Amino acid sequence: MKMFLVVYCEASDEYILSAFKDAGFKAYTKMHGATGEGPGSEPKLDTHCWPGRNNALFIAVHDEDISGLCDLVKRLKSEHPRAGVKAFTLPLEECV
């Protein structure tokens, strides 16, 4: 299994979340109000100088779902380049 992490501009939340749900990924954990800086986008630090915040979705998925999720993220980035969508995968093991 993998943890699929998606970070995006908070202002795009409704659009991004509905795209993942429409694609069948309805189980997730969302972190609201994340701040940070990265290459290729303006900092979102929730300050007067650098306003804005990000949200992050954590989606636990089977390895075979990663390709479809990457395609979805590519589409979202193409349709909404200012949303600052970034995606990452991490190994995942559930602790019981």
C-alpha atoms as a PDB file:
ATOM      1  CA  MET A   1       0.000   0.000   0.000  1.00  0.00           C
ATOM      2  CA  LYS A   2       0.959   3.630  -0.441  1.00  0.00           C
ATOM      3  CA  MET A   3       0.059   6.929   1.151  1.00  0.00           C
ATOM      4  CA  PHE A   4      -0.846   9.366  -1.605  1.00  0.00           C
ATOM      5  CA  LEU A   5      -0.292  12.916  -0.359  1.00  0.00           C
ATOM      6  CA  VAL A   6      -1.794  15.840  -2.270  1.00  0.00           C
ATOM      7  CA  VAL A   7      -1.054  19.458  -1.316  1.00  0.00           C
ATOM      8  CA  TYR A   8      -3.008  22.305  -2.939  1.00  0.00           C
ATOM      9  CA  CYS A   9      -4.173  25.888  -2.458  1.00  0.00           C
ATOM     10  CA  GLU A  10      -6.944  26.151   0.126  1.00  0.00           C
ATOM     11  CA  ALA A  11      -9.013  28.285  -2.264  1.00  0.00           C
ATOM     12  CA  SER A  12      -9.279  25.262  -4.607  1.00  0.00           C
ATOM     13  CA  ASP A  13     -10.524  22.890  -1.914  1.00  0.00           C
ATOM     14  CA  GLU A  14     -14.035  22.233  -3.203  1.00  0.00           C
ATOM     15  CA  TYR A  15     -12.874  21.577  -6.767  1.00  0.00           C
ATOM     16  CA  ILE A  16      -9.939  19.339  -5.792  1.00  0.00           C
ATOM     17  CA  LEU A  17     -11.866  17.309  -3.242  1.00  0.00           C
ATOM     18  CA  SER A  18     -14.798  16.715  -5.593  1.00  0.00           C
ATOM     19  CA  ALA A  19     -12.397  15.559  -8.344  1.00  0.00           C
ATOM     20  CA  PHE A  20     -10.961  12.870  -6.053  1.00  0.00           C
ATOM     21  CA  LYS A  21     -14.409  11.803  -4.864  1.00  0.00           C
ATOM     22  CA  ASP A  22     -15.718  11.663  -8.452  1.00  0.00           C
ATOM     23  CA  ALA A  23     -12.750   9.420  -9.313  1.00  0.00           C
ATOM     24  CA  GLY A  24     -13.828   7.021  -6.556  1.00  0.00           C
ATOM     25  CA  PHE A  25     -11.420   8.055  -3.799  1.00  0.00           C
ATOM     26  CA  LYS A  26     -13.817   8.930  -0.996  1.00  0.00           C
ATOM     27  CA  ALA A  27     -11.762   7.861   2.041  1.00  0.00           C
ATOM     28  CA  TYR A  28      -9.162  10.445   3.019  1.00  0.00           C
ATOM     29  CA  THR A  29      -7.764  12.539   5.843  1.00  0.00           C
ATOM     30  CA  LYS A  30      -7.577  16.291   5.240  1.00  0.00           C
ATOM     31  CA  MET A  31      -5.230  18.723   6.927  1.00  0.00           C
ATOM     32  CA  HIS A  32      -6.520  22.300   6.812  1.00  0.00           C
ATOM     33  CA  GLY A  33      -4.412  25.432   6.778  1.00  0.00           C
ATOM     34  CA  ALA A  34      -0.973  24.056   5.986  1.00  0.00           C
ATOM     35  CA  THR A  35       1.680  26.645   5.223  1.00  0.00           C
ATOM     36  CA  GLY A  36       4.914  26.352   3.330  1.00  0.00           C
ATOM     37  CA  GLU A  37       7.121  27.189   0.403  1.00  0.00           C
ATOM     38  CA  GLY A  38       8.075  25.202  -2.632  1.00  0.00           C
ATOM     39  CA  PRO A  39       9.634  25.541  -6.063  1.00  0.00           C
ATOM     40  CA  GLY A  40       7.326  26.755  -8.789  1.00  0.00           C
ATOM     41  CA  SER A  41       4.750  28.487  -6.591  1.00  0.00           C
ATOM     42  CA  GLU A  42       4.524  31.480  -4.316  1.00  0.00           C
ATOM     43  CA  PRO A  43       4.914  30.853  -0.590  1.00  0.00           C
ATOM     44  CA  LYS A  44       1.678  30.374   1.315  1.00  0.00           C
ATOM     45  CA  LEU A  45       2.549  31.396   4.853  1.00  0.00           C
ATOM     46  CA  ASP A  46      -0.747  32.955   6.024  1.00  0.00           C
ATOM     47  CA  THR A  47       0.950  36.318   6.646  1.00  0.00           C
ATOM     48  CA  HIS A  48       0.412  39.825   5.285  1.00  0.00           C
ATOM     49  CA  CYS A  49       3.467  39.468   3.063  1.00  0.00           C
ATOM     50  CA  TRP A  50       2.696  35.917   1.925  1.00  0.00           C
ATOM     51  CA  PRO A  51      -1.046  35.340   2.286  1.00  0.00           C
ATOM     52  CA  GLY A  52      -2.821  32.075   1.688  1.00  0.00           C
ATOM     53  CA  ARG A  53      -2.768  28.570   3.042  1.00  0.00           C
ATOM     54  CA  ASN A  54      -2.746  25.055   1.657  1.00  0.00           C
ATOM     55  CA  ASN A  55      -4.735  21.943   2.393  1.00  0.00           C
ATOM     56  CA  ALA A  56      -3.368  18.425   2.233  1.00  0.00           C
ATOM     57  CA  LEU A  57      -5.173  15.170   1.496  1.00  0.00           C
ATOM     58  CA  PHE A  58      -3.795  11.873   2.739  1.00  0.00           C
ATOM     59  CA  ILE A  59      -5.249   8.936   0.813  1.00  0.00           C
ATOM     60  CA  ALA A  60      -4.282   5.340   1.625  1.00  0.00           C
ATOM     61  CA  VAL A  61      -4.401   3.338  -1.612  1.00  0.00           C
ATOM     62  CA  HIS A  62      -3.287   0.069  -3.131  1.00  0.00           C
ATOM     63  CA  ASP A  63      -0.186   0.237  -5.296  1.00  0.00           C
ATOM     64  CA  GLU A  64      -2.176  -0.370  -8.463  1.00  0.00           C
ATOM     65  CA  ASP A  65      -4.216   2.833  -7.862  1.00  0.00           C
ATOM     66  CA  ILE A  66      -1.178   5.137  -7.967  1.00  0.00           C
ATOM     67  CA  SER A  67      -1.053   5.451 -11.754  1.00  0.00           C
ATOM     68  CA  GLY A  68      -4.690   6.585 -11.951  1.00  0.00           C
ATOM     69  CA  LEU A  69      -4.169   9.080  -9.138  1.00  0.00           C
ATOM     70  CA  CYS A  70      -1.107  10.522 -10.876  1.00  0.00           C
ATOM     71  CA  ASP A  71      -3.156  10.934 -14.059  1.00  0.00           C
ATOM     72  CA  LEU A  72      -5.852  12.725 -12.058  1.00  0.00           C
ATOM     73  CA  VAL A  73      -3.280  15.093 -10.547  1.00  0.00           C
ATOM     74  CA  LYS A  74      -1.823  15.831 -13.998  1.00  0.00           C
ATOM     75  CA  ARG A  75      -5.318  16.714 -15.218  1.00  0.00           C
ATOM     76  CA  LEU A  76      -5.976  18.944 -12.198  1.00  0.00           C
ATOM     77  CA  LYS A  77      -2.661  20.735 -12.674  1.00  0.00           C
ATOM     78  CA  SER A  78      -3.459  21.310 -16.334  1.00  0.00           C
ATOM     79  CA  GLU A  79      -7.002  22.564 -15.711  1.00  0.00           C
ATOM     80  CA  HIS A  80      -6.102  24.722 -12.679  1.00  0.00           C
ATOM     81  CA  PRO A  81      -2.413  25.664 -12.795  1.00  0.00           C
ATOM     82  CA  ARG A  82      -2.808  28.283 -10.044  1.00  0.00           C
ATOM     83  CA  ALA A  83      -4.109  25.707  -7.550  1.00  0.00           C
ATOM     84  CA  GLY A  84      -0.503  24.678  -6.867  1.00  0.00           C
ATOM     85  CA  VAL A  85      -1.315  20.966  -6.815  1.00  0.00           C
ATOM     86  CA  LYS A  86       1.603  18.761  -5.781  1.00  0.00           C
ATOM     87  CA  ALA A  87       1.421  15.018  -5.153  1.00  0.00           C
ATOM     88  CA  PHE A  88       3.723  12.532  -3.461  1.00  0.00           C
ATOM     89  CA  THR A  89       3.676   8.844  -2.595  1.00  0.00           C
ATOM     90  CA  LEU A  90       5.029   7.292   0.574  1.00  0.00           C
ATOM     91  CA  PRO A  91       5.280   3.654   1.618  1.00  0.00           C
ATOM     92  CA  LEU A  92       2.473   2.690   3.980  1.00  0.00           C
ATOM     93  CA  GLU A  93       2.112  -0.060   6.540  1.00  0.00           C
ATOM     94  CA  GLU A  94      -0.853  -0.181   8.890  1.00  0.00           C
ATOM     95  CA  CYS A  95       0.012  -0.771  12.531  1.00  0.00           C
ATOM     96  CA  VAL A  96      -2.570  -2.971  14.176  1.00  0.00           C
END
